[in-house]
Amino acid sequence: MTADDSYGRLDDEDYPAYTMGRAAEMLGTTPGFLRAIGEARLITPLRSEGGHRRYSRYQLKVAARARELVDQGTPIEAACRIIILEDQLEEAQRINAEYRRAAESANPTAAG
Protein backbone atom coordinates (compact mmCIF):
# COMPACT_ATOMS: atom_id res chain seq x y z
CA MET A 1 0.00 0.00 0.00
CA THR A 2 1.32 3.41 -0.92
CA ALA A 3 1.02 6.61 1.07
CA ASP A 4 -1.54 7.85 -1.48
CA ASP A 5 -3.72 4.79 -0.77
CA SER A 6 -3.53 5.44 2.97
CA TYR A 7 -4.52 9.08 2.59
CA GLY A 8 -7.46 8.11 0.38
CA ARG A 9 -8.90 6.15 3.28
CA LEU A 10 -9.22 9.34 5.30
CA ASP A 11 -12.20 10.26 3.15
CA ASP A 12 -13.74 6.77 3.35
CA GLU A 13 -16.68 6.93 5.75
CA ASP A 14 -16.64 3.13 6.05
CA TYR A 15 -12.96 2.69 6.85
CA PRO A 16 -12.58 1.30 10.40
CA ALA A 17 -10.12 3.91 11.66
CA TYR A 18 -11.15 4.24 15.32
CA THR A 19 -10.36 1.97 18.23
CA MET A 20 -13.07 1.25 20.78
CA GLY A 21 -11.44 3.57 23.31
CA ARG A 22 -11.14 6.44 20.85
CA ALA A 23 -14.68 5.89 19.55
CA ALA A 24 -16.09 5.92 23.10
CA GLU A 25 -14.11 9.07 23.89
CA MET A 26 -15.35 10.83 20.75
CA LEU A 27 -18.97 9.94 21.58
CA GLY A 28 -18.63 10.78 25.26
CA THR A 29 -19.73 7.30 26.24
CA THR A 30 -18.21 4.06 27.49
CA PRO A 31 -16.83 1.03 25.66
CA GLY A 32 -19.68 -0.88 27.31
CA PHE A 33 -22.20 1.24 25.41
CA LEU A 34 -20.46 0.40 22.13
CA ARG A 35 -20.46 -3.30 23.04
CA ALA A 36 -24.18 -3.09 23.90
CA ILE A 37 -25.18 -1.57 20.56
CA GLY A 38 -22.99 -4.17 18.87
CA GLU A 39 -24.80 -6.94 20.76
CA ALA A 40 -28.12 -5.38 19.68
CA ARG A 41 -26.77 -5.67 16.10
CA LEU A 42 -27.06 -1.96 15.41
CA ILE A 43 -23.44 -1.81 14.31
CA THR A 44 -20.87 -4.53 13.72
CA PRO A 45 -17.35 -3.25 14.23
CA LEU A 46 -14.61 -4.73 12.14
CA ARG A 47 -11.76 -6.45 13.92
CA SER A 48 -8.08 -5.64 13.67
CA GLU A 49 -5.60 -8.43 13.06
CA GLY A 50 -5.21 -8.60 16.83
CA GLY A 51 -8.99 -8.98 17.32
CA HIS A 52 -9.65 -5.46 18.58
CA ARG A 53 -12.86 -3.68 17.59
CA ARG A 54 -12.45 -0.90 15.03
CA TYR A 55 -15.17 1.61 14.10
CA SER A 56 -15.79 3.70 11.00
CA ARG A 57 -17.06 7.27 10.86
CA TYR A 58 -20.41 5.97 9.61
CA GLN A 59 -20.67 3.62 12.59
CA LEU A 60 -19.83 6.49 14.93
CA LYS A 61 -22.68 8.53 13.43
CA VAL A 62 -25.07 5.64 14.06
CA ALA A 63 -23.74 5.20 17.59
CA ALA A 64 -24.16 8.94 18.25
CA ARG A 65 -27.83 8.68 17.20
CA ALA A 66 -28.27 5.73 19.59
CA ARG A 67 -26.68 7.67 22.40
CA GLU A 68 -28.98 10.62 21.71
CA LEU A 69 -32.04 8.37 22.05
CA VAL A 70 -30.69 6.64 25.17
CA ASP A 71 -29.91 10.03 26.75
CA GLN A 72 -33.58 10.94 26.17
CA GLY A 73 -34.61 7.89 28.19
CA THR A 74 -35.15 5.31 25.46
CA PRO A 75 -33.99 1.80 26.43
CA ILE A 76 -30.96 0.75 24.40
CA GLU A 77 -32.72 -2.15 22.62
CA ALA A 78 -35.58 0.18 21.63
CA ALA A 79 -33.15 2.87 20.48
CA CYS A 80 -31.38 0.36 18.25
CA ARG A 81 -34.70 -0.82 16.78
CA ILE A 82 -35.80 2.78 16.13
CA ILE A 83 -32.58 3.52 14.24
CA ILE A 84 -32.89 0.34 12.18
CA LEU A 85 -36.47 1.29 11.28
CA GLU A 86 -35.43 4.85 10.43
CA ASP A 87 -32.78 3.48 8.07
CA GLN A 88 -35.27 1.09 6.46
CA LEU A 89 -37.78 3.91 5.96
CA GLU A 90 -35.13 6.15 4.40
CA GLU A 91 -34.10 3.38 2.01
CA ALA A 92 -37.73 2.65 1.07
CA GLN A 93 -38.34 6.34 0.38
CA ARG A 94 -35.20 6.49 -1.79
CA ILE A 95 -36.31 3.45 -3.80
CA ASN A 96 -39.83 4.88 -4.14
CA ALA A 97 -38.43 8.15 -5.49
CA GLU A 98 -36.32 6.23 -8.03
CA TYR A 99 -39.38 4.31 -9.23
CA ARG A 100 -41.34 7.55 -9.53
CA ARG A 101 -38.58 9.19 -11.57
CA ALA A 102 -38.31 6.13 -13.82
CA ALA A 103 -42.09 6.07 -14.36
CA GLU A 104 -42.14 9.79 -15.17
CA SER A 105 -39.25 9.36 -17.62
CA ALA A 106 -41.02 6.46 -19.33
CA ASN A 107 -44.32 8.34 -19.57
CA PRO A 108 -43.75 12.12 -19.31
CA THR A 109 -47.31 13.05 -20.31
CA ALA A 110 -48.84 11.13 -17.36
CA ALA A 111 -46.76 13.13 -14.84
CA GLY A 112 -48.44 16.44 -15.68
C-alpha atoms as a PDB file:
ATOM      1  CA  MET A   1       0.000   0.000   0.000  1.00  0.00           C
ATOM      2  CA  THR A   2       1.324   3.411  -0.922  1.00  0.00           C
ATOM      3  CA  ALA A   3       1.024   6.613   1.067  1.00  0.00           C
ATOM      4  CA  ASP A   4      -1.541   7.855  -1.477  1.00  0.00           C
ATOM      5  CA  ASP A   5      -3.716   4.791  -0.775  1.00  0.00           C
ATOM      6  CA  SER A   6      -3.532   5.437   2.970  1.00  0.00           C
ATOM      7  CA  TYR A   7      -4.515   9.083   2.595  1.00  0.00           C
ATOM      8  CA  GLY A   8      -7.459   8.110   0.376  1.00  0.00           C
ATOM      9  CA  ARG A   9      -8.903   6.151   3.277  1.00  0.00           C
ATOM     10  CA  LEU A  10      -9.216   9.339   5.305  1.00  0.00           C
ATOM     11  CA  ASP A  11     -12.196  10.261   3.145  1.00  0.00           C
ATOM     12  CA  ASP A  12     -13.737   6.768   3.348  1.00  0.00           C
ATOM     13  CA  GLU A  13     -16.683   6.930   5.749  1.00  0.00           C
ATOM     14  CA  ASP A  14     -16.642   3.126   6.048  1.00  0.00           C
ATOM     15  CA  TYR A  15     -12.957   2.693   6.852  1.00  0.00           C
ATOM     16  CA  PRO A  16     -12.577   1.302  10.405  1.00  0.00           C
ATOM     17  CA  ALA A  17     -10.125   3.908  11.659  1.00  0.00           C
ATOM     18  CA  TYR A  18     -11.145   4.243  15.321  1.00  0.00           C
ATOM     19  CA  THR A  19     -10.362   1.965  18.230  1.00  0.00           C
ATOM     20  CA  MET A  20     -13.066   1.250  20.779  1.00  0.00           C
ATOM     21  CA  GLY A  21     -11.442   3.568  23.314  1.00  0.00           C
ATOM     22  CA  ARG A  22     -11.141   6.437  20.851  1.00  0.00           C
ATOM     23  CA  ALA A  23     -14.679   5.893  19.554  1.00  0.00           C
ATOM     24  CA  ALA A  24     -16.094   5.924  23.097  1.00  0.00           C
ATOM     25  CA  GLU A  25     -14.112   9.066  23.894  1.00  0.00           C
ATOM     26  CA  MET A  26     -15.351  10.834  20.754  1.00  0.00           C
ATOM     27  CA  LEU A  27     -18.969   9.937  21.581  1.00  0.00           C
ATOM     28  CA  GLY A  28     -18.633  10.783  25.263  1.00  0.00           C
ATOM     29  CA  THR A  29     -19.728   7.297  26.242  1.00  0.00           C
ATOM     30  CA  THR A  30     -18.206   4.059  27.487  1.00  0.00           C
ATOM     31  CA  PRO A  31     -16.832   1.030  25.664  1.00  0.00           C
ATOM     32  CA  GLY A  32     -19.682  -0.883  27.308  1.00  0.00           C
ATOM     33  CA  PHE A  33     -22.198   1.241  25.411  1.00  0.00           C
ATOM     34  CA  LEU A  34     -20.458   0.402  22.130  1.00  0.00           C
ATOM     35  CA  ARG A  35     -20.455  -3.296  23.040  1.00  0.00           C
ATOM     36  CA  ALA A  36     -24.184  -3.086  23.904  1.00  0.00           C
ATOM     37  CA  ILE A  37     -25.181  -1.567  20.559  1.00  0.00           C
ATOM     38  CA  GLY A  38     -22.994  -4.175  18.874  1.00  0.00           C
ATOM     39  CA  GLU A  39     -24.803  -6.944  20.758  1.00  0.00           C
ATOM     40  CA  ALA A  40     -28.115  -5.382  19.680  1.00  0.00           C
ATOM     41  CA  ARG A  41     -26.770  -5.665  16.099  1.00  0.00           C
ATOM     42  CA  LEU A  42     -27.059  -1.961  15.407  1.00  0.00           C
ATOM     43  CA  ILE A  43     -23.436  -1.812  14.308  1.00  0.00           C
ATOM     44  CA  THR A  44     -20.867  -4.528  13.720  1.00  0.00           C
ATOM     45  CA  PRO A  45     -17.355  -3.249  14.230  1.00  0.00           C
ATOM     46  CA  LEU A  46     -14.607  -4.735  12.144  1.00  0.00           C
ATOM     47  CA  ARG A  47     -11.761  -6.448  13.918  1.00  0.00           C
ATOM     48  CA  SER A  48      -8.083  -5.636  13.670  1.00  0.00           C
ATOM     49  CA  GLU A  49      -5.596  -8.433  13.059  1.00  0.00           C
ATOM     50  CA  GLY A  50      -5.213  -8.604  16.830  1.00  0.00           C
ATOM     51  CA  GLY A  51      -8.985  -8.985  17.317  1.00  0.00           C
ATOM     52  CA  HIS A  52      -9.653  -5.461  18.583  1.00  0.00           C
ATOM     53  CA  ARG A  53     -12.860  -3.682  17.586  1.00  0.00           C
ATOM     54  CA  ARG A  54     -12.453  -0.897  15.031  1.00  0.00           C
ATOM     55  CA  TYR A  55     -15.167   1.608  14.101  1.00  0.00           C
ATOM     56  CA  SER A  56     -15.787   3.697  10.998  1.00  0.00           C
ATOM     57  CA  ARG A  57     -17.055   7.271  10.863  1.00  0.00           C
ATOM     58  CA  TYR A  58     -20.406   5.971   9.610  1.00  0.00           C
ATOM     59  CA  GLN A  59     -20.667   3.624  12.587  1.00  0.00           C
ATOM     60  CA  LEU A  60     -19.830   6.492  14.931  1.00  0.00           C
ATOM     61  CA  LYS A  61     -22.677   8.530  13.428  1.00  0.00           C
ATOM     62  CA  VAL A  62     -25.075   5.643  14.057  1.00  0.00           C
ATOM     63  CA  ALA A  63     -23.738   5.197  17.592  1.00  0.00           C
ATOM     64  CA  ALA A  64     -24.161   8.936  18.246  1.00  0.00           C
ATOM     65  CA  ARG A  65     -27.835   8.683  17.204  1.00  0.00           C
ATOM     66  CA  ALA A  66     -28.269   5.729  19.587  1.00  0.00           C
ATOM     67  CA  ARG A  67     -26.675   7.672  22.401  1.00  0.00           C
ATOM     68  CA  GLU A  68     -28.980  10.618  21.707  1.00  0.00           C
ATOM     69  CA  LEU A  69     -32.042   8.368  22.055  1.00  0.00           C
ATOM     70  CA  VAL A  70     -30.694   6.645  25.172  1.00  0.00           C
ATOM     71  CA  ASP A  71     -29.911  10.026  26.746  1.00  0.00           C
ATOM     72  CA  GLN A  72     -33.579  10.940  26.173  1.00  0.00           C
ATOM     73  CA  GLY A  73     -34.608   7.885  28.194  1.00  0.00           C
ATOM     74  CA  THR A  74     -35.154   5.306  25.460  1.00  0.00           C
ATOM     75  CA  PRO A  75     -33.990   1.800  26.431  1.00  0.00           C
ATOM     76  CA  ILE A  76     -30.957   0.746  24.399  1.00  0.00           C
ATOM     77  CA  GLU A  77     -32.718  -2.149  22.624  1.00  0.00           C
ATOM     78  CA  ALA A  78     -35.581   0.176  21.626  1.00  0.00           C
ATOM     79  CA  ALA A  79     -33.146   2.875  20.485  1.00  0.00           C
ATOM     80  CA  CYS A  80     -31.384   0.362  18.250  1.00  0.00           C
ATOM     81  CA  ARG A  81     -34.696  -0.817  16.783  1.00  0.00           C
ATOM     82  CA  ILE A  82     -35.796   2.785  16.134  1.00  0.00           C
ATOM     83  CA  ILE A  83     -32.577   3.522  14.244  1.00  0.00           C
ATOM     84  CA  ILE A  84     -32.888   0.344  12.179  1.00  0.00           C
ATOM     85  CA  LEU A  85     -36.474   1.286  11.282  1.00  0.00           C
ATOM     86  CA  GLU A  86     -35.434   4.852  10.432  1.00  0.00           C
ATOM     87  CA  ASP A  87     -32.783   3.484   8.066  1.00  0.00           C
ATOM     88  CA  GLN A  88     -35.268   1.087   6.461  1.00  0.00           C
ATOM     89  CA  LEU A  89     -37.778   3.907   5.961  1.00  0.00           C
ATOM     90  CA  GLU A  90     -35.133   6.155   4.404  1.00  0.00           C
ATOM     91  CA  GLU A  91     -34.100   3.380   2.013  1.00  0.00           C
ATOM     92  CA  ALA A  92     -37.725   2.647   1.067  1.00  0.00           C
ATOM     93  CA  GLN A  93     -38.343   6.343   0.379  1.00  0.00           C
ATOM     94  CA  ARG A  94     -35.203   6.491  -1.788  1.00  0.00           C
ATOM     95  CA  ILE A  95     -36.307   3.451  -3.802  1.00  0.00           C
ATOM     96  CA  ASN A  96     -39.826   4.882  -4.142  1.00  0.00           C
ATOM     97  CA  ALA A  97     -38.432   8.154  -5.494  1.00  0.00           C
ATOM     98  CA  GLU A  98     -36.316   6.229  -8.029  1.00  0.00           C
ATOM     99  CA  TYR A  99     -39.384   4.308  -9.233  1.00  0.00           C
ATOM    100  CA  ARG A 100     -41.344   7.550  -9.527  1.00  0.00           C
ATOM    101  CA  ARG A 101     -38.580   9.195 -11.574  1.00  0.00           C
ATOM    102  CA  ALA A 102     -38.313   6.131 -13.818  1.00  0.00           C
ATOM    103  CA  ALA A 103     -42.090   6.074 -14.357  1.00  0.00           C
ATOM    104  CA  GLU A 104     -42.139   9.793 -15.172  1.00  0.00           C
ATOM    105  CA  SER A 105     -39.250   9.358 -17.621  1.00  0.00           C
ATOM    106  CA  ALA A 106     -41.024   6.464 -19.328  1.00  0.00           C
ATOM    107  CA  ASN A 107     -44.323   8.340 -19.574  1.00  0.00           C
ATOM    108  CA  PRO A 108     -43.746  12.125 -19.310  1.00  0.00           C
ATOM    109  CA  THR A 109     -47.310  13.048 -20.310  1.00  0.00           C
ATOM    110  CA  ALA A 110     -48.842  11.127 -17.362  1.00  0.00           C
ATOM    111  CA  ALA A 111     -46.760  13.126 -14.842  1.00  0.00           C
ATOM    112  CA  GLY A 112     -48.440  16.445 -15.684  1.00  0.00           C
END
